[in-house]
PDB file of N, CA and C in Angstrom:
ATOM      1  N   UNK A   1     102.260 107.588 100.251  1.00  0.00           N
ATOM      2  CA  UNK A   1     100.943 107.296  99.756  1.00  0.00           C
ATOM      3  C   UNK A   1     100.154 108.586  99.504  1.00  0.00           C
ATOM      4  N   UNK A   2     100.761 109.699  99.833  1.00  0.00           N
ATOM      5  CA  UNK A   2     100.125 110.990  99.554  1.00  0.00           C
ATOM      6  C   UNK A   2      99.779 111.084  98.068  1.00  0.00           C
ATOM      7  N   UNK A   3     100.623 110.548  97.205  1.00  0.00           N
ATOM      8  CA  UNK A   3     100.369 110.596  95.759  1.00  0.00           C
ATOM      9  C   UNK A   3      99.087 109.857  95.379  1.00  0.00           C
ATOM     10  N   UNK A   4      98.673 108.894  96.195  1.00  0.00           N
ATOM     11  CA  UNK A   4      97.442 108.138  95.925  1.00  0.00           C
ATOM     12  C   UNK A   4      96.258 108.705  96.698  1.00  0.00           C
ATOM     13  N   UNK A   5      96.469 109.812  97.405  1.00  0.00           N
ATOM     14  CA  UNK A   5      95.383 110.420  98.164  1.00  0.00           C
ATOM     15  C   UNK A   5      95.136 109.742  99.497  1.00  0.00           C
ATOM     16  N   UNK A   6      96.116 108.973  99.966  1.00  0.00           N
ATOM     17  CA  UNK A   6      96.004 108.275 101.249  1.00  0.00           C
ATOM     18  C   UNK A   6      96.881 108.993 102.255  1.00  0.00           C
ATOM     19  N   UNK A   7      96.298 109.387 103.369  1.00  0.00           N
ATOM     20  CA  UNK A   7      97.051 110.079 104.406  1.00  0.00           C
ATOM     21  C   UNK A   7      97.382 109.078 105.506  1.00  0.00           C
ATOM     22  N   UNK A   8      98.660 108.806 105.728  1.00  0.00           N
ATOM     23  CA  UNK A   8      99.026 107.870 106.786  1.00  0.00           C
ATOM     24  C   UNK A   8      98.855 108.508 108.157  1.00  0.00           C
ATOM     25  N   UNK A   9      98.409 107.718 109.090  1.00  0.00           N
ATOM     26  CA  UNK A   9      98.295 108.162 110.477  1.00  0.00           C
ATOM     27  C   UNK A   9      99.318 107.363 111.259  1.00  0.00           C
ATOM     28  N   UNK A  10     100.261 108.062 111.829  1.00  0.00           N
ATOM     29  CA  UNK A  10     101.343 107.386 112.543  1.00  0.00           C
ATOM     30  C   UNK A  10     101.260 107.677 114.027  1.00  0.00           C
ATOM     31  N   UNK A  11     101.819 106.798 114.801  1.00  0.00           N
ATOM     32  CA  UNK A  11     101.797 106.948 116.255  1.00  0.00           C
ATOM     33  C   UNK A  11     103.237 107.036 116.735  1.00  0.00           C
ATOM     34  N   UNK A  12     103.589 108.170 117.286  1.00  0.00           N
ATOM     35  CA  UNK A  12     104.918 108.333 117.845  1.00  0.00           C
ATOM     36  C   UNK A  12     104.914 109.515 118.806  1.00  0.00           C
ATOM     37  N   UNK A  13     105.621 109.351 119.901  1.00  0.00           N
ATOM     38  CA  UNK A  13     105.802 110.450 120.844  1.00  0.00           C
ATOM     39  C   UNK A  13     107.238 110.949 120.785  1.00  0.00           C
ATOM     40  N   UNK A  14     108.054 110.303 119.963  1.00  0.00           N
ATOM     41  CA  UNK A  14     109.451 110.670 119.823  1.00  0.00           C
ATOM     42  C   UNK A  14     109.560 111.794 118.789  1.00  0.00           C
ATOM     43  N   UNK A  15     110.067 112.973 119.190  1.00  0.00           N
ATOM     44  CA  UNK A  15     110.140 114.114 118.265  1.00  0.00           C
ATOM     45  C   UNK A  15     110.945 113.821 116.994  1.00  0.00           C
ATOM     46  N   UNK A  16     112.003 113.037 117.094  1.00  0.00           N
ATOM     47  CA  UNK A  16     112.810 112.705 115.921  1.00  0.00           C
ATOM     48  C   UNK A  16     111.982 111.870 114.944  1.00  0.00           C
ATOM     49  N   UNK A  17     111.299 110.855 115.458  1.00  0.00           N
ATOM     50  CA  UNK A  17     110.455 110.003 114.611  1.00  0.00           C
ATOM     51  C   UNK A  17     109.292 110.807 114.024  1.00  0.00           C
ATOM     52  N   UNK A  18     108.729 111.729 114.812  1.00  0.00           N
ATOM     53  CA  UNK A  18     107.629 112.553 114.319  1.00  0.00           C
ATOM     54  C   UNK A  18     108.090 113.377 113.113  1.00  0.00           C
ATOM     55  N   UNK A  19     109.288 113.969 113.219  1.00  0.00           N
ATOM     56  CA  UNK A  19     109.835 114.753 112.102  1.00  0.00           C
ATOM     57  C   UNK A  19     110.055 113.868 110.891  1.00  0.00           C
ATOM     58  N   UNK A  20     110.619 112.668 111.100  1.00  0.00           N
ATOM     59  CA  UNK A  20     110.845 111.740 109.990  1.00  0.00           C
ATOM     60  C   UNK A  20     109.523 111.361 109.321  1.00  0.00           C
ATOM     61  N   UNK A  21     108.500 111.128 110.131  1.00  0.00           N
ATOM     62  CA  UNK A  21     107.200 110.739 109.590  1.00  0.00           C
ATOM     63  C   UNK A  21     106.554 111.851 108.780  1.00  0.00           C
ATOM     64  N   UNK A  22     106.829 113.096 109.129  1.00  0.00           N
ATOM     65  CA  UNK A  22     106.238 114.231 108.418  1.00  0.00           C
ATOM     66  C   UNK A  22     107.075 114.685 107.221  1.00  0.00           C
ATOM     67  N   UNK A  23     108.299 114.210 107.130  1.00  0.00           N
ATOM     68  CA  UNK A  23     109.216 114.634 106.072  1.00  0.00           C
ATOM     69  C   UNK A  23     109.001 113.778 104.822  1.00  0.00           C
ATOM     70  N   UNK A  24     107.837 113.962 104.180  1.00  0.00           N
ATOM     71  CA  UNK A  24     107.469 113.122 103.037  1.00  0.00           C
ATOM     72  C   UNK A  24     107.235 113.925 101.760  1.00  0.00           C
ATOM     73  N   UNK A  25     107.459 115.210 101.805  1.00  0.00           N
ATOM     74  CA  UNK A  25     107.114 116.051 100.664  1.00  0.00           C
ATOM     75  C   UNK A  25     108.306 116.410  99.788  1.00  0.00           C
ATOM     76  N   UNK A  26     109.468 115.793 100.031  1.00  0.00           N
ATOM     77  CA  UNK A  26     110.653 116.143  99.252  1.00  0.00           C
ATOM     78  C   UNK A  26     110.980 115.101  98.179  1.00  0.00           C
ATOM     79  N   UNK A  27     110.052 114.186  97.889  1.00  0.00           N
ATOM     80  CA  UNK A  27     110.280 113.202  96.839  1.00  0.00           C
ATOM     81  C   UNK A  27     108.953 112.714  96.286  1.00  0.00           C
ATOM     82  N   UNK A  28     109.024 112.063  95.129  1.00  0.00           N
ATOM     83  CA  UNK A  28     107.856 111.430  94.511  1.00  0.00           C
ATOM     84  C   UNK A  28     108.262 110.075  93.998  1.00  0.00           C
ATOM     85  N   UNK A  29     107.332 109.135  94.028  1.00  0.00           N
ATOM     86  CA  UNK A  29     107.569 107.826  93.441  1.00  0.00           C
ATOM     87  C   UNK A  29     107.270 107.895  91.953  1.00  0.00           C
ATOM     88  N   UNK A  30     108.031 107.116  91.175  1.00  0.00           N
ATOM     89  CA  UNK A  30     107.749 107.091  89.744  1.00  0.00           C
ATOM     90  C   UNK A  30     106.604 106.112  89.468  1.00  0.00           C
ATOM     91  N   UNK A  31     106.179 106.041  88.217  1.00  0.00           N
ATOM     92  CA  UNK A  31     105.025 105.213  87.848  1.00  0.00           C
ATOM     93  C   UNK A  31     105.256 103.734  88.167  1.00  0.00           C
ATOM     94  N   UNK A  32     106.465 103.245  87.901  1.00  0.00           N
ATOM     95  CA  UNK A  32     106.790 101.841  88.184  1.00  0.00           C
ATOM     96  C   UNK A  32     106.666 101.555  89.690  1.00  0.00           C
ATOM     97  N   UNK A  33     107.191 102.448  90.509  1.00  0.00           N
ATOM     98  CA  UNK A  33     107.119 102.275  91.964  1.00  0.00           C
ATOM     99  C   UNK A  33     105.668 102.317  92.445  1.00  0.00           C
ATOM    100  N   UNK A  34     104.884 103.213  91.857  1.00  0.00           N
ATOM    101  CA  UNK A  34     103.472 103.309  92.231  1.00  0.00           C
ATOM    102  C   UNK A  34     102.739 102.004  91.894  1.00  0.00           C
ATOM    103  N   UNK A  35     103.029 101.415  90.732  1.00  0.00           N
ATOM    104  CA  UNK A  35     102.403 100.150  90.338  1.00  0.00           C
ATOM    105  C   UNK A  35     102.824  99.023  91.267  1.00  0.00           C
ATOM    106  N   UNK A  36     104.090  99.024  91.684  1.00  0.00           N
ATOM    107  CA  UNK A  36     104.572  97.991  92.597  1.00  0.00           C
ATOM    108  C   UNK A  36     103.830  98.061  93.937  1.00  0.00           C
ATOM    109  N   UNK A  37     103.643  99.257  94.434  1.00  0.00           N
ATOM    110  CA  UNK A  37     102.933  99.426  95.704  1.00  0.00           C
ATOM    111  C   UNK A  37     101.469  99.024  95.549  1.00  0.00           C
ATOM    112  N   UNK A  38     100.851  99.441  94.449  1.00  0.00           N
ATOM    113  CA  UNK A  38      99.453  99.083  94.207  1.00  0.00           C
ATOM    114  C   UNK A  38      99.285  97.564  94.156  1.00  0.00           C
ATOM    115  N   UNK A  39     100.288  96.870  93.619  1.00  0.00           N
ATOM    116  CA  UNK A  39     100.237  95.420  93.525  1.00  0.00           C
ATOM    117  C   UNK A  39     100.289  94.710  94.863  1.00  0.00           C
ATOM    118  N   UNK A  40     100.688  95.403  95.906  1.00  0.00           N
ATOM    119  CA  UNK A  40     100.752  94.797  97.243  1.00  0.00           C
ATOM    120  C   UNK A  40      99.366  94.608  97.852  1.00  0.00           C
ATOM    121  N   UNK A  41      98.390  95.381  97.392  1.00  0.00           N
ATOM    122  CA  UNK A  41      97.030  95.292  97.925  1.00  0.00           C
ATOM    123  C   UNK A  41      96.302  94.126  97.271  1.00  0.00           C
ATOM    124  N   UNK A  42      96.089  93.083  98.057  1.00  0.00           N
ATOM    125  CA  UNK A  42      95.403  91.899  97.538  1.00  0.00           C
ATOM    126  C   UNK A  42      93.905  91.951  97.791  1.00  0.00           C
ATOM    127  N   UNK A  43      93.454  92.969  98.521  1.00  0.00           N
ATOM    128  CA  UNK A  43      92.036  93.077  98.837  1.00  0.00           C
ATOM    129  C   UNK A  43      91.624  92.171  99.983  1.00  0.00           C
ATOM    130  N   UNK A  44      92.587  91.512 100.598  1.00  0.00           N
ATOM    131  CA  UNK A  44      92.307  90.583 101.699  1.00  0.00           C
ATOM    132  C   UNK A  44      92.770  91.202 103.014  1.00  0.00           C
ATOM    133  N   UNK A  45      92.006  90.997 104.060  1.00  0.00           N
ATOM    134  CA  UNK A  45      92.402  91.443 105.383  1.00  0.00           C
ATOM    135  C   UNK A  45      92.396  90.263 106.341  1.00  0.00           C
ATOM    136  N   UNK A  46      93.254  90.309 107.295  1.00  0.00           N
ATOM    137  CA  UNK A  46      93.310  89.262 108.326  1.00  0.00           C
ATOM    138  C   UNK A  46      92.402  89.616 109.496  1.00  0.00           C
ATOM    139  N   UNK A  47      91.775  90.772 109.424  1.00  0.00           N
ATOM    140  CA  UNK A  47      90.917  91.247 110.508  1.00  0.00           C
ATOM    141  C   UNK A  47      89.460  91.144 110.095  1.00  0.00           C
ATOM    142  N   UNK A  48      88.607  91.016 111.078  1.00  0.00           N
ATOM    143  CA  UNK A  48      87.179  90.959 110.804  1.00  0.00           C
ATOM    144  C   UNK A  48      86.638  92.301 110.347  1.00  0.00           C
ATOM    145  N   UNK A  49      85.401  92.288 109.885  1.00  0.00           N
ATOM    146  CA  UNK A  49      84.774  93.529 109.427  1.00  0.00           C
ATOM    147  C   UNK A  49      84.637  94.515 110.582  1.00  0.00           C
ATOM    148  N   UNK A  50      84.709  95.799 110.250  1.00  0.00           N
ATOM    149  CA  UNK A  50      84.561  96.866 111.234  1.00  0.00           C
ATOM    150  C   UNK A  50      83.637  97.931 110.660  1.00  0.00           C
ATOM    151  N   UNK A  51      82.450  97.499 110.234  1.00  0.00           N
ATOM    152  CA  UNK A  51      81.505  98.412 109.592  1.00  0.00           C
ATOM    153  C   UNK A  51      80.471  98.969 110.557  1.00  0.00           C
ATOM    154  N   UNK A  52      80.329  98.350 111.717  1.00  0.00           N
ATOM    155  CA  UNK A  52      79.352  98.835 112.696  1.00  0.00           C
ATOM    156  C   UNK A  52      80.087  99.200 113.977  1.00  0.00           C
ATOM    157  N   UNK A  53      79.426  99.970 114.820  1.00  0.00           N
ATOM    158  CA  UNK A  53      80.035 100.363 116.096  1.00  0.00           C
ATOM    159  C   UNK A  53      80.362  99.135 116.933  1.00  0.00           C
ATOM    160  N   UNK A  54      79.501  98.137 116.903  1.00  0.00           N
ATOM    161  CA  UNK A  54      79.742  96.931 117.683  1.00  0.00           C
ATOM    162  C   UNK A  54      80.990  96.203 117.183  1.00  0.00           C
ATOM    163  N   UNK A  55      81.150  96.135 115.861  1.00  0.00           N
ATOM    164  CA  UNK A  55      82.324  95.477 115.295  1.00  0.00           C
ATOM    165  C   UNK A  55      83.602  96.249 115.627  1.00  0.00           C
ATOM    166  N   UNK A  56      83.544  97.554 115.576  1.00  0.00           N
ATOM    167  CA  UNK A  56      84.708  98.380 115.913  1.00  0.00           C
ATOM    168  C   UNK A  56      85.069  98.184 117.378  1.00  0.00           C
ATOM    169  N   UNK A  57      84.086  98.225 118.254  1.00  0.00           N
ATOM    170  CA  UNK A  57      84.358  98.042 119.682  1.00  0.00           C
ATOM    171  C   UNK A  57      84.931  96.663 119.976  1.00  0.00           C
ATOM    172  N   UNK A  58      84.423  95.635 119.323  1.00  0.00           N
ATOM    173  CA  UNK A  58      84.954  94.283 119.523  1.00  0.00           C
ATOM    174  C   UNK A  58      86.406  94.215 119.043  1.00  0.00           C
ATOM    175  N   UNK A  59      86.682  94.840 117.898  1.00  0.00           N
ATOM    176  CA  UNK A  59      88.046  94.873 117.373  1.00  0.00           C
ATOM    177  C   UNK A  59      88.978  95.589 118.350  1.00  0.00           C
ATOM    178  N   UNK A  60      88.543  96.728 118.871  1.00  0.00           N
ATOM    179  CA  UNK A  60      89.373  97.477 119.818  1.00  0.00           C
ATOM    180  C   UNK A  60      89.599  96.700 121.100  1.00  0.00           C
ATOM    181  N   UNK A  61      88.581  96.027 121.597  1.00  0.00           N
ATOM    182  CA  UNK A  61      88.735  95.211 122.809  1.00  0.00           C
ATOM    183  C   UNK A  61      89.807  94.146 122.618  1.00  0.00           C
ATOM    184  N   UNK A  62      89.788  93.500 121.466  1.00  0.00           N
ATOM    185  CA  UNK A  62      90.793  92.466 121.192  1.00  0.00           C
ATOM    186  C   UNK A  62      92.171  93.080 121.008  1.00  0.00           C
ATOM    187  N   UNK A  63      92.248  94.203 120.275  1.00  0.00           N
ATOM    188  CA  UNK A  63      93.542  94.802 119.980  1.00  0.00           C
ATOM    189  C   UNK A  63      94.232  95.316 121.236  1.00  0.00           C
ATOM    190  N   UNK A  64      93.483  95.738 122.228  1.00  0.00           N
ATOM    191  CA  UNK A  64      94.078  96.265 123.455  1.00  0.00           C
ATOM    192  C   UNK A  64      94.756  95.178 124.287  1.00  0.00           C
ATOM    193  N   UNK A  65      94.488  93.932 123.970  1.00  0.00           N
ATOM    194  CA  UNK A  65      95.134  92.827 124.692  1.00  0.00           C
ATOM    195  C   UNK A  65      96.575  92.624 124.252  1.00  0.00           C
ATOM    196  N   UNK A  66      96.946  93.186 123.087  1.00  0.00           N
ATOM    197  CA  UNK A  66      98.295  93.006 122.553  1.00  0.00           C
ATOM    198  C   UNK A  66      99.178  94.165 122.980  1.00  0.00           C
ATOM    199  N   UNK A  67     100.396  93.855 123.353  1.00  0.00           N
ATOM    200  CA  UNK A  67     101.383  94.877 123.745  1.00  0.00           C
ATOM    201  C   UNK A  67     102.351  95.067 122.583  1.00  0.00           C
ATOM    202  N   UNK A  68     102.225  96.203 121.907  1.00  0.00           N
ATOM    203  CA  UNK A  68     103.136  96.484 120.793  1.00  0.00           C
ATOM    204  C   UNK A  68     103.899  97.764 121.023  1.00  0.00           C
TER     205      UNK A  68
END
């Protein structure tokens, strides 16, 4: 998503996975692939709004209940 100006934030403590996650600069997607990815964004979210500090805190409180 670097080509679209989006920087992914990944979570990993495994050095191998960290290297894999950072190894993104040796290829580019073509125009067709970029359009396919853009088409995945429906503009809909399954999560509530997080525009205020209260909404963010409520979201975090709920998310911490899940073990992933």
